[in-house]
Amino acid sequence: MAIGHSYFGVIDYVTVGVTLLISLGIGVYHAVKGGGKETNEDLLLGGRNMKALPIAASMLVTYL
């Protein structure tokens, strides 16, 4: 590896691949098992029953 250059190695590709597969698995699981009676508002706003801490954390991460 040359100094000053960064390259993806096998471990990096495996890590990214596993992360994407886990994310895909979670999405498929919730699509198959999910409640089914959720509206777009429920999905986007969390049913309007979220506490202040998750909202603040989400806003902070989005800002950063």
C-alpha atoms as a PDB file:
ATOM      1  CA  MET A   1       0.000   0.000   0.000  1.00  0.00           C
ATOM      2  CA  ALA A   2       1.390   3.378  -0.979  1.00  0.00           C
ATOM      3  CA  ILE A   3       1.693   6.122   1.584  1.00  0.00           C
ATOM      4  CA  GLY A   4      -1.125   8.658   1.337  1.00  0.00           C
ATOM      5  CA  HIS A   5      -3.480   6.384  -0.598  1.00  0.00           C
ATOM      6  CA  SER A   6      -6.421   4.517   0.871  1.00  0.00           C
ATOM      7  CA  TYR A   7      -7.856   1.453  -0.767  1.00  0.00           C
ATOM      8  CA  PHE A   8     -10.701  -0.857   0.155  1.00  0.00           C
ATOM      9  CA  GLY A   9      -9.473  -4.260   1.174  1.00  0.00           C
ATOM     10  CA  VAL A  10     -11.329  -7.558   1.395  1.00  0.00           C
ATOM     11  CA  ILE A  11     -12.343  -6.928   5.014  1.00  0.00           C
ATOM     12  CA  ASP A  12     -13.788  -3.529   4.070  1.00  0.00           C
ATOM     13  CA  TYR A  13     -15.896  -4.993   1.263  1.00  0.00           C
ATOM     14  CA  VAL A  14     -17.114  -7.804   3.517  1.00  0.00           C
ATOM     15  CA  THR A  15     -18.049  -5.311   6.246  1.00  0.00           C
ATOM     16  CA  VAL A  16     -20.006  -3.105   3.834  1.00  0.00           C
ATOM     17  CA  GLY A  17     -21.699  -6.143   2.296  1.00  0.00           C
ATOM     18  CA  VAL A  18     -22.727  -7.595   5.657  1.00  0.00           C
ATOM     19  CA  THR A  19     -24.057  -4.206   6.779  1.00  0.00           C
ATOM     20  CA  LEU A  20     -26.162  -3.895   3.618  1.00  0.00           C
ATOM     21  CA  LEU A  21     -27.467  -7.452   3.986  1.00  0.00           C
ATOM     22  CA  ILE A  22     -28.471  -6.834   7.605  1.00  0.00           C
ATOM     23  CA  SER A  23     -30.263  -3.634   6.598  1.00  0.00           C
ATOM     24  CA  LEU A  24     -31.993  -5.433   3.730  1.00  0.00           C
ATOM     25  CA  GLY A  25     -32.996  -8.272   6.068  1.00  0.00           C
ATOM     26  CA  ILE A  26     -34.537  -5.857   8.554  1.00  0.00           C
ATOM     27  CA  GLY A  27     -36.502  -4.161   5.758  1.00  0.00           C
ATOM     28  CA  VAL A  28     -37.770  -7.440   4.325  1.00  0.00           C
ATOM     29  CA  TYR A  29     -38.707  -8.724   7.790  1.00  0.00           C
ATOM     30  CA  HIS A  30     -40.779  -5.635   8.566  1.00  0.00           C
ATOM     31  CA  ALA A  31     -42.358  -5.665   5.100  1.00  0.00           C
ATOM     32  CA  VAL A  32     -43.485  -9.272   5.573  1.00  0.00           C
ATOM     33  CA  LYS A  33     -44.375  -9.227   9.272  1.00  0.00           C
ATOM     34  CA  GLY A  34     -45.217  -5.526   9.709  1.00  0.00           C
ATOM     35  CA  GLY A  35     -48.613  -4.484  11.054  1.00  0.00           C
ATOM     36  CA  GLY A  36     -50.070  -3.481   7.712  1.00  0.00           C
ATOM     37  CA  LYS A  37     -52.469  -0.794   8.982  1.00  0.00           C
ATOM     38  CA  GLU A  38     -49.885   1.973   9.103  1.00  0.00           C
ATOM     39  CA  THR A  39     -50.456   5.143   7.141  1.00  0.00           C
ATOM     40  CA  ASN A  40     -47.776   7.386   5.673  1.00  0.00           C
ATOM     41  CA  GLU A  41     -48.269   9.736   8.615  1.00  0.00           C
ATOM     42  CA  ASP A  42     -47.624   6.897  11.063  1.00  0.00           C
ATOM     43  CA  LEU A  43     -44.428   5.972   9.269  1.00  0.00           C
ATOM     44  CA  LEU A  44     -43.092   9.504   8.912  1.00  0.00           C
ATOM     45  CA  LEU A  45     -44.161  10.939  12.265  1.00  0.00           C
ATOM     46  CA  GLY A  46     -44.033   7.863  14.479  1.00  0.00           C
ATOM     47  CA  GLY A  47     -47.732   8.096  15.273  1.00  0.00           C
ATOM     48  CA  ARG A  48     -46.989  11.416  17.007  1.00  0.00           C
ATOM     49  CA  ASN A  49     -46.187   9.681  20.265  1.00  0.00           C
ATOM     50  CA  MET A  50     -42.395   9.996  20.408  1.00  0.00           C
ATOM     51  CA  LYS A  51     -40.701  11.438  23.465  1.00  0.00           C
ATOM     52  CA  ALA A  52     -38.360  14.429  23.390  1.00  0.00           C
ATOM     53  CA  LEU A  53     -35.072  12.475  23.639  1.00  0.00           C
ATOM     54  CA  PRO A  54     -35.388  10.492  20.372  1.00  0.00           C
ATOM     55  CA  ILE A  55     -36.517  13.614  18.535  1.00  0.00           C
ATOM     56  CA  ALA A  56     -33.611  15.651  19.911  1.00  0.00           C
ATOM     57  CA  ALA A  57     -31.119  12.891  19.048  1.00  0.00           C
ATOM     58  CA  SER A  58     -32.499  12.658  15.516  1.00  0.00           C
ATOM     59  CA  MET A  59     -32.282  16.402  15.023  1.00  0.00           C
ATOM     60  CA  LEU A  60     -28.734  16.517  16.387  1.00  0.00           C
ATOM     61  CA  VAL A  61     -27.503  13.699  14.154  1.00  0.00           C
ATOM     62  CA  THR A  62     -29.199  15.261  11.133  1.00  0.00           C
ATOM     63  CA  TYR A  63     -27.562  18.604  11.890  1.00  0.00           C
ATOM     64  CA  LEU A  64     -24.112  17.104  12.349  1.00  0.00           C
END
